[in-house]
Amino acid sequence: MPTFHCAAILFDLDGVLVDSTGSVSRLWRLWATEHQLDPEKVLSIAHGVRTIEVVRAAAPWLDAVKEVKKIEEREASDRDGVSTMAGASALVRSIPADRWAIVTSGTRMLATARLRSGKIPSPAVLVSADEVINGKPDPEPYLMGARLLRHRPEDCLVVEDAPAGIQAAKAAGMKVIGITTTYPRGQLGAADAVIDSLSAVAIRISGARLEVNVTLN
């Protein structure tokens, strides 16, 4: 059973705390069809990175800013099938408010809607796509999260479901727990531990530190 000692935990949102897979897939397929694109190719790059990066990669001839606004407004209003990941609510509620943050590739508007749908408490620190210059896999989002929590990057632990997010966290100098909610275990190999559910994580507060115990399957 791996144990991590850290000062704070940074969570990705979609695929980690909130299950929005159905909504994400449904709306990206709709967008791809509207622009005569291959939905499967679009979906293959749509997880774990900012919407603007997906649009730029899939359809560089479009006005990316305009498309992002349209896509994320649709996502924010589409709550069908959006739910809390098993163990997510209890886990974040077990952590002091100044010791955890959310670092998401979605905009703040979308993140707020997701949290409301998933009944996850709003964190004191939330880093969203519209607050960084470079999104995941660049380390900037996670470095910003650590800075806003006032902890050194090397004292932070990250929970991620996507290879791009794991790459970002490792580049920031952080330990990472991967979760197999979106990608198979084989694609999360860069993580320091891999779990199937947040129910496998238990946290004990020890003074200024968090002891994070992980039960592997």
N, C-alpha and C. Protein backbone atom coordinates (compact mmCIF):
# COMPACT_ATOMS: atom_id res chain seq x y z
N MET A 1 0.85 -1.20 0.00
CA MET A 1 0.00 0.00 0.00
C MET A 1 0.88 1.24 0.00
N PRO A 2 0.98 1.95 -1.13
CA PRO A 2 1.81 3.16 -1.20
C PRO A 2 1.27 4.25 -0.27
N THR A 3 2.18 5.00 0.31
CA THR A 3 1.81 6.13 1.15
C THR A 3 2.55 7.37 0.66
N PHE A 4 1.82 8.45 0.46
CA PHE A 4 2.40 9.72 0.04
C PHE A 4 2.26 10.73 1.17
N HIS A 5 3.30 11.51 1.38
CA HIS A 5 3.25 12.58 2.36
C HIS A 5 3.34 13.91 1.61
N CYS A 6 2.40 14.78 1.85
CA CYS A 6 2.35 16.03 1.11
C CYS A 6 1.74 17.13 1.98
N ALA A 7 1.81 18.35 1.46
CA ALA A 7 1.18 19.48 2.15
C ALA A 7 -0.20 19.77 1.59
N ALA A 8 -0.41 19.43 0.30
CA ALA A 8 -1.69 19.73 -0.35
C ALA A 8 -1.93 18.76 -1.50
N ILE A 9 -3.20 18.65 -1.89
CA ILE A 9 -3.58 17.78 -3.00
C ILE A 9 -4.30 18.61 -4.06
N LEU A 10 -3.88 18.43 -5.31
CA LEU A 10 -4.49 19.11 -6.44
C LEU A 10 -5.24 18.07 -7.28
N PHE A 11 -6.52 18.30 -7.48
CA PHE A 11 -7.36 17.36 -8.23
C PHE A 11 -7.70 17.92 -9.60
N ASP A 12 -7.61 17.08 -10.62
CA ASP A 12 -8.28 17.40 -11.87
C ASP A 12 -9.78 17.27 -11.58
N LEU A 13 -10.62 17.80 -12.46
CA LEU A 13 -12.06 17.77 -12.19
C LEU A 13 -12.78 16.67 -12.96
N ASP A 14 -12.91 16.83 -14.27
CA ASP A 14 -13.65 15.85 -15.07
C ASP A 14 -12.88 14.53 -15.14
N GLY A 15 -13.56 13.45 -14.77
CA GLY A 15 -12.91 12.15 -14.78
C GLY A 15 -12.23 11.81 -13.47
N VAL A 16 -12.16 12.78 -12.55
CA VAL A 16 -11.56 12.54 -11.24
C VAL A 16 -12.60 12.75 -10.14
N LEU A 17 -13.13 13.95 -10.04
CA LEU A 17 -14.16 14.24 -9.04
C LEU A 17 -15.56 14.11 -9.62
N VAL A 18 -15.70 14.42 -10.90
CA VAL A 18 -17.01 14.40 -11.56
C VAL A 18 -16.95 13.51 -12.80
N ASP A 19 -17.96 12.67 -12.97
CA ASP A 19 -18.07 11.84 -14.16
C ASP A 19 -18.92 12.58 -15.19
N SER A 20 -18.25 13.12 -16.20
CA SER A 20 -18.95 13.86 -17.25
C SER A 20 -18.70 13.24 -18.63
N THR A 21 -18.24 11.99 -18.63
CA THR A 21 -17.85 11.34 -19.88
C THR A 21 -18.97 11.34 -20.92
N GLY A 22 -20.19 11.03 -20.49
CA GLY A 22 -21.30 10.98 -21.43
C GLY A 22 -21.56 12.32 -22.08
N SER A 23 -21.56 13.38 -21.28
CA SER A 23 -21.79 14.72 -21.80
C SER A 23 -20.68 15.15 -22.74
N VAL A 24 -19.43 14.92 -22.32
CA VAL A 24 -18.28 15.31 -23.14
C VAL A 24 -18.33 14.60 -24.49
N SER A 25 -18.54 13.30 -24.48
CA SER A 25 -18.58 12.54 -25.73
C SER A 25 -19.73 12.98 -26.63
N ARG A 26 -20.88 13.16 -26.02
CA ARG A 26 -22.07 13.54 -26.79
C ARG A 26 -21.89 14.89 -27.49
N LEU A 27 -21.36 15.87 -26.76
CA LEU A 27 -21.25 17.21 -27.33
C LEU A 27 -20.08 17.36 -28.29
N TRP A 28 -18.98 16.64 -28.06
CA TRP A 28 -17.89 16.68 -29.04
C TRP A 28 -18.31 15.99 -30.34
N ARG A 29 -19.08 14.93 -30.23
CA ARG A 29 -19.59 14.26 -31.44
C ARG A 29 -20.50 15.21 -32.23
N LEU A 30 -21.34 15.93 -31.52
CA LEU A 30 -22.22 16.89 -32.17
C LEU A 30 -21.42 17.97 -32.88
N TRP A 31 -20.43 18.51 -32.18
CA TRP A 31 -19.59 19.57 -32.78
C TRP A 31 -18.84 19.05 -34.00
N ALA A 32 -18.27 17.85 -33.89
CA ALA A 32 -17.53 17.27 -35.02
C ALA A 32 -18.45 17.09 -36.23
N THR A 33 -19.63 16.58 -36.00
CA THR A 33 -20.58 16.37 -37.09
C THR A 33 -20.97 17.69 -37.75
N GLU A 34 -21.16 18.73 -36.96
CA GLU A 34 -21.52 20.04 -37.50
C GLU A 34 -20.46 20.59 -38.44
N HIS A 35 -19.20 20.19 -38.20
CA HIS A 35 -18.10 20.72 -39.01
C HIS A 35 -17.49 19.66 -39.94
N GLN A 36 -18.26 18.58 -40.18
CA GLN A 36 -17.83 17.52 -41.10
C GLN A 36 -16.47 16.93 -40.70
N LEU A 37 -16.29 16.72 -39.41
CA LEU A 37 -15.06 16.13 -38.89
C LEU A 37 -15.36 14.71 -38.40
N ASP A 38 -14.31 13.91 -38.29
CA ASP A 38 -14.44 12.54 -37.79
C ASP A 38 -14.61 12.60 -36.27
N PRO A 39 -15.79 12.24 -35.74
CA PRO A 39 -16.01 12.32 -34.30
C PRO A 39 -15.00 11.52 -33.48
N GLU A 40 -14.60 10.35 -33.97
CA GLU A 40 -13.66 9.52 -33.22
C GLU A 40 -12.29 10.18 -33.11
N LYS A 41 -11.86 10.83 -34.17
CA LYS A 41 -10.57 11.53 -34.13
C LYS A 41 -10.62 12.70 -33.17
N VAL A 42 -11.74 13.41 -33.17
CA VAL A 42 -11.89 14.54 -32.25
C VAL A 42 -11.89 14.04 -30.81
N LEU A 43 -12.64 12.99 -30.53
CA LEU A 43 -12.70 12.45 -29.17
C LEU A 43 -11.35 11.93 -28.69
N SER A 44 -10.54 11.45 -29.62
CA SER A 44 -9.23 10.89 -29.23
C SER A 44 -8.30 11.94 -28.66
N ILE A 45 -8.57 13.22 -28.93
CA ILE A 45 -7.71 14.28 -28.41
C ILE A 45 -8.44 15.20 -27.43
N ALA A 46 -9.70 14.87 -27.11
CA ALA A 46 -10.54 15.82 -26.37
C ALA A 46 -10.43 15.72 -24.85
N HIS A 47 -9.82 14.67 -24.33
CA HIS A 47 -9.79 14.48 -22.89
C HIS A 47 -8.49 15.00 -22.27
N GLY A 48 -8.63 15.78 -21.22
CA GLY A 48 -7.47 16.20 -20.43
C GLY A 48 -6.78 17.45 -20.90
N VAL A 49 -7.24 18.04 -22.01
CA VAL A 49 -6.63 19.28 -22.50
C VAL A 49 -7.73 20.33 -22.67
N ARG A 50 -7.32 21.59 -22.85
CA ARG A 50 -8.30 22.67 -22.98
C ARG A 50 -9.08 22.56 -24.29
N THR A 51 -10.31 23.00 -24.24
CA THR A 51 -11.17 22.99 -25.42
C THR A 51 -10.52 23.73 -26.58
N ILE A 52 -9.86 24.84 -26.28
CA ILE A 52 -9.27 25.63 -27.36
C ILE A 52 -8.17 24.86 -28.08
N GLU A 53 -7.44 24.00 -27.35
CA GLU A 53 -6.41 23.18 -28.00
C GLU A 53 -7.04 22.13 -28.91
N VAL A 54 -8.17 21.57 -28.49
CA VAL A 54 -8.85 20.57 -29.31
C VAL A 54 -9.35 21.21 -30.60
N VAL A 55 -9.97 22.37 -30.49
CA VAL A 55 -10.49 23.06 -31.67
C VAL A 55 -9.35 23.42 -32.63
N ARG A 56 -8.27 23.94 -32.09
CA ARG A 56 -7.13 24.33 -32.94
C ARG A 56 -6.53 23.13 -33.65
N ALA A 57 -6.47 21.99 -32.97
CA ALA A 57 -5.89 20.79 -33.58
C ALA A 57 -6.83 20.16 -34.60
N ALA A 58 -8.13 20.14 -34.30
CA ALA A 58 -9.09 19.45 -35.16
C ALA A 58 -9.57 20.30 -36.33
N ALA A 59 -9.66 21.62 -36.11
CA ALA A 59 -10.21 22.50 -37.15
C ALA A 59 -9.53 23.87 -37.09
N PRO A 60 -8.25 23.93 -37.50
CA PRO A 60 -7.48 25.18 -37.36
C PRO A 60 -8.03 26.35 -38.18
N TRP A 61 -8.92 26.08 -39.12
CA TRP A 61 -9.49 27.15 -39.95
C TRP A 61 -10.65 27.88 -39.25
N LEU A 62 -11.13 27.33 -38.12
CA LEU A 62 -12.24 27.96 -37.41
C LEU A 62 -11.75 29.02 -36.43
N ASP A 63 -12.64 29.90 -36.02
CA ASP A 63 -12.36 30.88 -34.97
C ASP A 63 -12.43 30.13 -33.64
N ALA A 64 -11.26 29.79 -33.09
CA ALA A 64 -11.20 28.92 -31.91
C ALA A 64 -11.91 29.53 -30.71
N VAL A 65 -11.73 30.82 -30.49
CA VAL A 65 -12.35 31.47 -29.33
C VAL A 65 -13.88 31.39 -29.42
N LYS A 66 -14.41 31.64 -30.59
CA LYS A 66 -15.86 31.57 -30.81
C LYS A 66 -16.37 30.15 -30.59
N GLU A 67 -15.63 29.16 -31.10
CA GLU A 67 -16.05 27.77 -30.96
C GLU A 67 -16.01 27.32 -29.50
N VAL A 68 -14.98 27.74 -28.77
CA VAL A 68 -14.87 27.38 -27.36
C VAL A 68 -16.09 27.89 -26.59
N LYS A 69 -16.46 29.12 -26.84
CA LYS A 69 -17.62 29.70 -26.15
C LYS A 69 -18.87 28.87 -26.42
N LYS A 70 -19.08 28.49 -27.67
CA LYS A 70 -20.25 27.71 -28.03
C LYS A 70 -20.22 26.33 -27.38
N ILE A 71 -19.08 25.66 -27.46
CA ILE A 71 -18.96 24.30 -26.92
C ILE A 71 -19.16 24.29 -25.42
N GLU A 72 -18.50 25.21 -24.71
CA GLU A 72 -18.56 25.17 -23.25
C GLU A 72 -19.90 25.66 -22.72
N GLU A 73 -20.58 26.52 -23.44
CA GLU A 73 -21.95 26.88 -23.04
C GLU A 73 -22.86 25.66 -23.15
N ARG A 74 -22.66 24.88 -24.19
CA ARG A 74 -23.44 23.65 -24.34
C ARG A 74 -23.13 22.69 -23.19
N GLU A 75 -21.85 22.52 -22.89
CA GLU A 75 -21.46 21.60 -21.84
C GLU A 75 -22.00 22.03 -20.48
N ALA A 76 -21.95 23.33 -20.21
CA ALA A 76 -22.41 23.83 -18.92
C ALA A 76 -23.90 23.59 -18.72
N SER A 77 -24.67 23.61 -19.81
CA SER A 77 -26.12 23.42 -19.70
C SER A 77 -26.54 21.97 -19.83
N ASP A 78 -25.62 21.10 -20.25
CA ASP A 78 -25.94 19.68 -20.44
C ASP A 78 -25.54 18.91 -19.18
N ARG A 79 -26.49 18.66 -18.32
CA ARG A 79 -26.21 17.96 -17.06
C ARG A 79 -26.64 16.51 -17.08
N ASP A 80 -27.16 16.06 -18.21
CA ASP A 80 -27.64 14.69 -18.32
C ASP A 80 -26.49 13.70 -18.14
N GLY A 81 -26.56 12.90 -17.10
CA GLY A 81 -25.54 11.89 -16.86
C GLY A 81 -24.33 12.38 -16.10
N VAL A 82 -24.26 13.66 -15.77
CA VAL A 82 -23.13 14.18 -14.99
C VAL A 82 -23.35 13.82 -13.52
N SER A 83 -22.37 13.17 -12.91
CA SER A 83 -22.53 12.70 -11.54
C SER A 83 -21.20 12.75 -10.78
N THR A 84 -21.29 12.53 -9.50
CA THR A 84 -20.10 12.53 -8.65
C THR A 84 -19.38 11.20 -8.77
N MET A 85 -18.06 11.24 -8.88
CA MET A 85 -17.28 10.01 -8.89
C MET A 85 -17.34 9.34 -7.51
N ALA A 86 -17.33 8.02 -7.49
CA ALA A 86 -17.39 7.28 -6.23
C ALA A 86 -16.26 7.73 -5.30
N GLY A 87 -16.63 8.09 -4.09
CA GLY A 87 -15.64 8.47 -3.08
C GLY A 87 -15.18 9.90 -3.14
N ALA A 88 -15.58 10.65 -4.19
CA ALA A 88 -15.03 12.00 -4.39
C ALA A 88 -15.46 12.98 -3.31
N SER A 89 -16.75 13.05 -3.04
CA SER A 89 -17.25 14.03 -2.09
C SER A 89 -16.67 13.80 -0.70
N ALA A 90 -16.69 12.55 -0.25
CA ALA A 90 -16.15 12.24 1.08
C ALA A 90 -14.66 12.55 1.16
N LEU A 91 -13.94 12.29 0.07
CA LEU A 91 -12.49 12.50 0.08
C LEU A 91 -12.15 13.98 0.22
N VAL A 92 -12.75 14.84 -0.61
CA VAL A 92 -12.39 16.26 -0.52
C VAL A 92 -12.87 16.87 0.79
N ARG A 93 -13.97 16.38 1.33
CA ARG A 93 -14.46 16.90 2.61
C ARG A 93 -13.58 16.48 3.78
N SER A 94 -12.74 15.48 3.56
CA SER A 94 -11.83 15.04 4.63
C SER A 94 -10.54 15.85 4.67
N ILE A 95 -10.38 16.77 3.72
CA ILE A 95 -9.16 17.57 3.61
C ILE A 95 -9.46 19.01 4.03
N PRO A 96 -8.61 19.62 4.86
CA PRO A 96 -8.81 21.03 5.21
C PRO A 96 -8.90 21.90 3.96
N ALA A 97 -9.73 22.94 4.00
CA ALA A 97 -10.02 23.75 2.82
C ALA A 97 -8.80 24.39 2.20
N ASP A 98 -7.79 24.68 3.02
CA ASP A 98 -6.58 25.33 2.48
C ASP A 98 -5.53 24.33 2.03
N ARG A 99 -5.91 23.04 1.95
CA ARG A 99 -4.96 22.00 1.57
C ARG A 99 -5.33 21.30 0.27
N TRP A 100 -6.38 21.77 -0.41
CA TRP A 100 -6.73 21.12 -1.68
C TRP A 100 -7.23 22.15 -2.68
N ALA A 101 -7.07 21.80 -3.95
CA ALA A 101 -7.50 22.68 -5.04
C ALA A 101 -7.95 21.84 -6.22
N ILE A 102 -8.64 22.48 -7.14
CA ILE A 102 -9.01 21.85 -8.41
C ILE A 102 -8.25 22.57 -9.52
N VAL A 103 -7.64 21.78 -10.40
CA VAL A 103 -6.92 22.31 -11.56
C VAL A 103 -7.53 21.64 -12.79
N THR A 104 -8.31 22.39 -13.55
CA THR A 104 -9.10 21.81 -14.63
C THR A 104 -8.75 22.40 -15.99
N SER A 105 -8.97 21.61 -17.03
CA SER A 105 -8.77 22.09 -18.40
C SER A 105 -10.03 22.77 -18.94
N GLY A 106 -11.09 22.80 -18.14
CA GLY A 106 -12.31 23.51 -18.52
C GLY A 106 -12.26 24.95 -18.06
N THR A 107 -13.16 25.77 -18.57
CA THR A 107 -13.25 27.16 -18.13
C THR A 107 -13.87 27.21 -16.73
N ARG A 108 -13.77 28.37 -16.09
CA ARG A 108 -14.37 28.54 -14.76
C ARG A 108 -15.89 28.36 -14.83
N MET A 109 -16.50 28.87 -15.88
CA MET A 109 -17.95 28.72 -16.04
C MET A 109 -18.34 27.24 -16.07
N LEU A 110 -17.60 26.46 -16.86
CA LEU A 110 -17.90 25.04 -16.98
C LEU A 110 -17.61 24.31 -15.68
N ALA A 111 -16.48 24.64 -15.04
CA ALA A 111 -16.12 23.98 -13.78
C ALA A 111 -17.18 24.23 -12.71
N THR A 112 -17.67 25.45 -12.64
CA THR A 112 -18.71 25.78 -11.66
C THR A 112 -19.97 24.97 -11.90
N ALA A 113 -20.35 24.82 -13.16
CA ALA A 113 -21.53 24.02 -13.51
C ALA A 113 -21.31 22.55 -13.16
N ARG A 114 -20.12 22.04 -13.43
CA ARG A 114 -19.80 20.64 -13.13
C ARG A 114 -19.86 20.39 -11.62
N LEU A 115 -19.29 21.30 -10.83
CA LEU A 115 -19.29 21.13 -9.38
C LEU A 115 -20.71 21.12 -8.84
N ARG A 116 -21.53 21.99 -9.39
CA ARG A 116 -22.93 22.06 -8.96
C ARG A 116 -23.66 20.76 -9.30
N SER A 117 -23.43 20.26 -10.50
CA SER A 117 -24.09 19.02 -10.93
C SER A 117 -23.61 17.83 -10.11
N GLY A 118 -22.32 17.83 -9.79
CA GLY A 118 -21.75 16.70 -9.07
C GLY A 118 -21.83 16.81 -7.57
N LYS A 119 -22.37 17.94 -7.07
CA LYS A 119 -22.51 18.15 -5.63
C LYS A 119 -21.17 18.05 -4.90
N ILE A 120 -20.14 18.59 -5.55
CA ILE A 120 -18.81 18.67 -4.95
C ILE A 120 -18.65 20.07 -4.36
N PRO A 121 -18.15 20.20 -3.12
CA PRO A 121 -17.97 21.54 -2.56
C PRO A 121 -16.98 22.36 -3.38
N SER A 122 -17.24 23.64 -3.51
CA SER A 122 -16.33 24.51 -4.25
C SER A 122 -15.05 24.70 -3.46
N PRO A 123 -13.89 24.53 -4.10
CA PRO A 123 -12.62 24.68 -3.39
C PRO A 123 -12.26 26.14 -3.19
N ALA A 124 -11.38 26.40 -2.25
CA ALA A 124 -10.87 27.76 -2.05
C ALA A 124 -10.05 28.20 -3.25
N VAL A 125 -9.38 27.23 -3.89
CA VAL A 125 -8.55 27.51 -5.07
C VAL A 125 -9.02 26.66 -6.24
N LEU A 126 -9.33 27.32 -7.35
CA LEU A 126 -9.71 26.64 -8.58
C LEU A 126 -8.96 27.29 -9.73
N VAL A 127 -8.14 26.51 -10.41
CA VAL A 127 -7.40 26.99 -11.57
C VAL A 127 -8.09 26.46 -12.81
N SER A 128 -8.55 27.35 -13.68
CA SER A 128 -9.29 26.95 -14.87
C SER A 128 -8.54 27.32 -16.14
N ALA A 129 -9.07 26.84 -17.26
CA ALA A 129 -8.40 27.03 -18.56
C ALA A 129 -8.26 28.49 -18.94
N ASP A 130 -9.21 29.32 -18.52
CA ASP A 130 -9.17 30.72 -18.92
C ASP A 130 -8.28 31.57 -18.02
N GLU A 131 -7.55 30.93 -17.11
CA GLU A 131 -6.68 31.67 -16.20
C GLU A 131 -5.20 31.38 -16.43
N VAL A 132 -4.91 30.56 -17.43
CA VAL A 132 -3.51 30.24 -17.74
C VAL A 132 -3.24 30.53 -19.21
N ILE A 133 -1.98 30.75 -19.51
CA ILE A 133 -1.57 30.94 -20.91
C ILE A 133 -1.41 29.59 -21.59
N ASN A 134 -0.79 28.66 -20.88
CA ASN A 134 -0.52 27.33 -21.42
C ASN A 134 -1.27 26.27 -20.62
N GLY A 135 -2.07 25.47 -21.30
CA GLY A 135 -2.80 24.41 -20.62
C GLY A 135 -1.99 23.13 -20.52
N LYS A 136 -2.56 22.13 -19.84
CA LYS A 136 -1.92 20.82 -19.76
C LYS A 136 -1.70 20.30 -21.18
N PRO A 137 -0.57 19.67 -21.46
CA PRO A 137 0.44 19.08 -20.58
C PRO A 137 1.52 20.04 -20.07
N ASP A 138 1.40 21.33 -20.35
CA ASP A 138 2.34 22.28 -19.76
C ASP A 138 2.13 22.31 -18.24
N PRO A 139 3.19 22.49 -17.46
CA PRO A 139 3.04 22.49 -16.00
C PRO A 139 2.38 23.74 -15.43
N GLU A 140 2.17 24.78 -16.24
CA GLU A 140 1.66 26.05 -15.72
C GLU A 140 0.42 25.93 -14.83
N PRO A 141 -0.61 25.17 -15.22
CA PRO A 141 -1.80 25.10 -14.36
C PRO A 141 -1.50 24.55 -12.97
N TYR A 142 -0.70 23.49 -12.89
CA TYR A 142 -0.40 22.92 -11.58
C TYR A 142 0.55 23.80 -10.77
N LEU A 143 1.47 24.47 -11.43
CA LEU A 143 2.34 25.41 -10.72
C LEU A 143 1.51 26.56 -10.15
N MET A 144 0.52 27.02 -10.89
CA MET A 144 -0.35 28.09 -10.40
C MET A 144 -1.15 27.60 -9.19
N GLY A 145 -1.66 26.37 -9.26
CA GLY A 145 -2.41 25.82 -8.14
C GLY A 145 -1.59 25.77 -6.87
N ALA A 146 -0.35 25.30 -6.99
CA ALA A 146 0.54 25.24 -5.83
C ALA A 146 0.81 26.64 -5.28
N ARG A 147 1.05 27.58 -6.17
CA ARG A 147 1.34 28.95 -5.75
C ARG A 147 0.15 29.57 -5.01
N LEU A 148 -1.05 29.37 -5.53
CA LEU A 148 -2.24 29.94 -4.89
C LEU A 148 -2.53 29.30 -3.54
N LEU A 149 -2.15 28.04 -3.38
CA LEU A 149 -2.29 27.37 -2.08
C LEU A 149 -1.13 27.70 -1.15
N ARG A 150 -0.11 28.36 -1.70
CA ARG A 150 1.08 28.77 -0.95
C ARG A 150 1.88 27.56 -0.45
N HIS A 151 2.02 26.60 -1.36
CA HIS A 151 2.86 25.44 -1.07
C HIS A 151 3.84 25.23 -2.21
N ARG A 152 4.98 24.66 -1.90
CA ARG A 152 5.97 24.36 -2.93
C ARG A 152 5.44 23.23 -3.82
N PRO A 153 5.73 23.29 -5.12
CA PRO A 153 5.24 22.23 -6.01
C PRO A 153 5.63 20.83 -5.55
N GLU A 154 6.84 20.69 -5.07
CA GLU A 154 7.30 19.35 -4.65
C GLU A 154 6.58 18.85 -3.40
N ASP A 155 5.83 19.72 -2.73
CA ASP A 155 5.05 19.32 -1.57
C ASP A 155 3.59 19.04 -1.92
N CYS A 156 3.28 19.01 -3.21
CA CYS A 156 1.90 18.79 -3.65
C CYS A 156 1.75 17.43 -4.33
N LEU A 157 0.61 16.81 -4.12
CA LEU A 157 0.24 15.55 -4.77
C LEU A 157 -0.92 15.83 -5.72
N VAL A 158 -0.88 15.21 -6.88
CA VAL A 158 -1.91 15.42 -7.90
C VAL A 158 -2.69 14.13 -8.14
N VAL A 159 -4.01 14.26 -8.39
CA VAL A 159 -4.83 13.12 -8.81
C VAL A 159 -5.35 13.43 -10.21
N GLU A 160 -5.03 12.58 -11.17
CA GLU A 160 -5.31 12.84 -12.59
C GLU A 160 -5.83 11.59 -13.29
N ASP A 161 -6.65 11.82 -14.33
CA ASP A 161 -7.17 10.69 -15.12
C ASP A 161 -6.62 10.66 -16.53
N ALA A 162 -5.86 11.69 -16.95
CA ALA A 162 -5.43 11.79 -18.34
C ALA A 162 -3.91 11.89 -18.47
N PRO A 163 -3.35 11.29 -19.50
CA PRO A 163 -1.89 11.38 -19.71
C PRO A 163 -1.39 12.81 -19.77
N ALA A 164 -2.14 13.72 -20.41
CA ALA A 164 -1.70 15.12 -20.50
C ALA A 164 -1.60 15.75 -19.12
N GLY A 165 -2.54 15.43 -18.24
CA GLY A 165 -2.50 15.97 -16.89
C GLY A 165 -1.37 15.38 -16.06
N ILE A 166 -1.13 14.09 -16.23
CA ILE A 166 -0.02 13.45 -15.53
C ILE A 166 1.30 14.07 -15.97
N GLN A 167 1.44 14.28 -17.27
CA GLN A 167 2.65 14.91 -17.80
C GLN A 167 2.83 16.31 -17.22
N ALA A 168 1.75 17.07 -17.12
CA ALA A 168 1.82 18.42 -16.57
C ALA A 168 2.27 18.40 -15.12
N ALA A 169 1.69 17.49 -14.33
CA ALA A 169 2.02 17.41 -12.92
C ALA A 169 3.47 16.98 -12.70
N LYS A 170 3.91 15.99 -13.46
CA LYS A 170 5.30 15.54 -13.32
C LYS A 170 6.27 16.64 -13.72
N ALA A 171 5.93 17.40 -14.78
CA ALA A 171 6.79 18.51 -15.20
C ALA A 171 6.85 19.60 -14.15
N ALA A 172 5.80 19.68 -13.31
CA ALA A 172 5.77 20.66 -12.23
C ALA A 172 6.52 20.17 -11.00
N GLY A 173 7.00 18.93 -11.04
CA GLY A 173 7.76 18.39 -9.92
C GLY A 173 6.90 17.74 -8.85
N MET A 174 5.69 17.31 -9.21
CA MET A 174 4.75 16.75 -8.25
C MET A 174 4.60 15.25 -8.40
N LYS A 175 4.25 14.58 -7.31
CA LYS A 175 3.87 13.17 -7.37
C LYS A 175 2.44 13.08 -7.90
N VAL A 176 2.13 11.95 -8.54
CA VAL A 176 0.81 11.82 -9.19
C VAL A 176 0.18 10.46 -8.91
N ILE A 177 -1.10 10.50 -8.57
CA ILE A 177 -1.92 9.29 -8.54
C ILE A 177 -2.79 9.31 -9.79
N GLY A 178 -2.69 8.28 -10.61
CA GLY A 178 -3.53 8.17 -11.79
C GLY A 178 -4.78 7.37 -11.48
N ILE A 179 -5.88 7.71 -12.13
CA ILE A 179 -7.13 6.99 -11.91
C ILE A 179 -7.70 6.55 -13.27
N THR A 180 -8.13 5.30 -13.35
CA THR A 180 -8.47 4.67 -14.63
C THR A 180 -9.92 4.90 -15.07
N THR A 181 -10.43 6.10 -14.86
CA THR A 181 -11.82 6.39 -15.20
C THR A 181 -12.00 6.75 -16.67
N THR A 182 -10.94 7.23 -17.31
CA THR A 182 -11.04 7.68 -18.70
C THR A 182 -10.10 6.91 -19.62
N TYR A 183 -8.90 6.65 -19.14
CA TYR A 183 -7.88 5.94 -19.93
C TYR A 183 -7.51 4.63 -19.24
N PRO A 184 -7.12 3.62 -20.02
CA PRO A 184 -6.69 2.35 -19.42
C PRO A 184 -5.39 2.52 -18.65
N ARG A 185 -5.17 1.61 -17.74
CA ARG A 185 -4.00 1.64 -16.86
C ARG A 185 -2.70 1.79 -17.63
N GLY A 186 -2.60 1.14 -18.79
CA GLY A 186 -1.37 1.18 -19.56
C GLY A 186 -0.98 2.57 -20.04
N GLN A 187 -1.96 3.47 -20.17
CA GLN A 187 -1.66 4.83 -20.62
C GLN A 187 -1.38 5.79 -19.46
N LEU A 188 -1.43 5.27 -18.24
CA LEU A 188 -1.19 6.10 -17.06
C LEU A 188 0.12 5.72 -16.38
N GLY A 189 0.99 5.08 -17.13
CA GLY A 189 2.21 4.52 -16.56
C GLY A 189 3.16 5.53 -15.95
N ALA A 190 3.05 6.80 -16.32
CA ALA A 190 3.95 7.82 -15.76
C ALA A 190 3.56 8.22 -14.35
N ALA A 191 2.37 7.81 -13.90
CA ALA A 191 1.92 8.14 -12.55
C ALA A 191 2.70 7.33 -11.52
N ASP A 192 2.75 7.83 -10.29
CA ASP A 192 3.47 7.14 -9.22
C ASP A 192 2.66 6.00 -8.62
N ALA A 193 1.36 6.05 -8.78
CA ALA A 193 0.45 4.96 -8.38
C ALA A 193 -0.79 5.09 -9.25
N VAL A 194 -1.45 3.96 -9.51
CA VAL A 194 -2.66 3.98 -10.34
C VAL A 194 -3.78 3.25 -9.60
N ILE A 195 -4.96 3.88 -9.55
CA ILE A 195 -6.11 3.31 -8.86
C ILE A 195 -7.30 3.28 -9.81
N ASP A 196 -8.34 2.54 -9.41
CA ASP A 196 -9.56 2.48 -10.21
C ASP A 196 -10.66 3.37 -9.65
N SER A 197 -10.52 3.77 -8.39
CA SER A 197 -11.56 4.58 -7.74
C SER A 197 -10.96 5.40 -6.61
N LEU A 198 -11.53 6.57 -6.36
CA LEU A 198 -11.07 7.39 -5.24
C LEU A 198 -11.35 6.73 -3.90
N SER A 199 -12.22 5.72 -3.90
CA SER A 199 -12.48 4.98 -2.67
C SER A 199 -11.24 4.27 -2.17
N ALA A 200 -10.23 4.14 -3.04
CA ALA A 200 -8.97 3.50 -2.66
C ALA A 200 -8.03 4.44 -1.92
N VAL A 201 -8.43 5.71 -1.76
CA VAL A 201 -7.57 6.71 -1.14
C VAL A 201 -8.12 7.09 0.23
N ALA A 202 -7.25 7.08 1.23
CA ALA A 202 -7.62 7.50 2.59
C ALA A 202 -6.59 8.52 3.06
N ILE A 203 -7.05 9.55 3.74
CA ILE A 203 -6.17 10.64 4.15
C ILE A 203 -6.17 10.79 5.67
N ARG A 204 -4.98 10.93 6.21
CA ARG A 204 -4.82 11.21 7.64
C ARG A 204 -4.07 12.52 7.77
N ILE A 205 -4.58 13.41 8.60
CA ILE A 205 -3.94 14.71 8.81
C ILE A 205 -2.94 14.58 9.94
N SER A 206 -1.71 14.98 9.66
CA SER A 206 -0.64 14.90 10.65
C SER A 206 0.05 16.25 10.73
N GLY A 207 -0.49 17.12 11.57
CA GLY A 207 0.06 18.47 11.69
C GLY A 207 -0.10 19.23 10.39
N ALA A 208 1.01 19.70 9.86
CA ALA A 208 0.99 20.47 8.61
C ALA A 208 1.06 19.58 7.38
N ARG A 209 1.06 18.28 7.59
CA ARG A 209 1.20 17.34 6.48
C ARG A 209 -0.04 16.48 6.33
N LEU A 210 -0.21 15.96 5.12
CA LEU A 210 -1.25 14.99 4.83
C LEU A 210 -0.60 13.65 4.55
N GLU A 211 -1.09 12.61 5.18
CA GLU A 211 -0.62 11.26 4.89
C GLU A 211 -1.68 10.60 4.01
N VAL A 212 -1.31 10.31 2.77
CA VAL A 212 -2.26 9.78 1.79
C VAL A 212 -1.95 8.31 1.56
N ASN A 213 -2.86 7.46 2.00
CA ASN A 213 -2.68 6.02 1.86
C ASN A 213 -3.50 5.50 0.70
N VAL A 214 -2.86 4.74 -0.17
CA VAL A 214 -3.49 4.24 -1.39
C VAL A 214 -3.54 2.72 -1.37
N THR A 215 -4.73 2.17 -1.50
CA THR A 215 -4.90 0.73 -1.58
C THR A 215 -4.95 0.33 -3.05
N LEU A 216 -3.96 -0.41 -3.50
CA LEU A 216 -3.90 -0.82 -4.90
C LEU A 216 -4.71 -2.08 -5.12
N ASN A 217 -5.30 -2.20 -6.31
CA ASN A 217 -6.11 -3.37 -6.64
C ASN A 217 -5.23 -4.57 -6.93
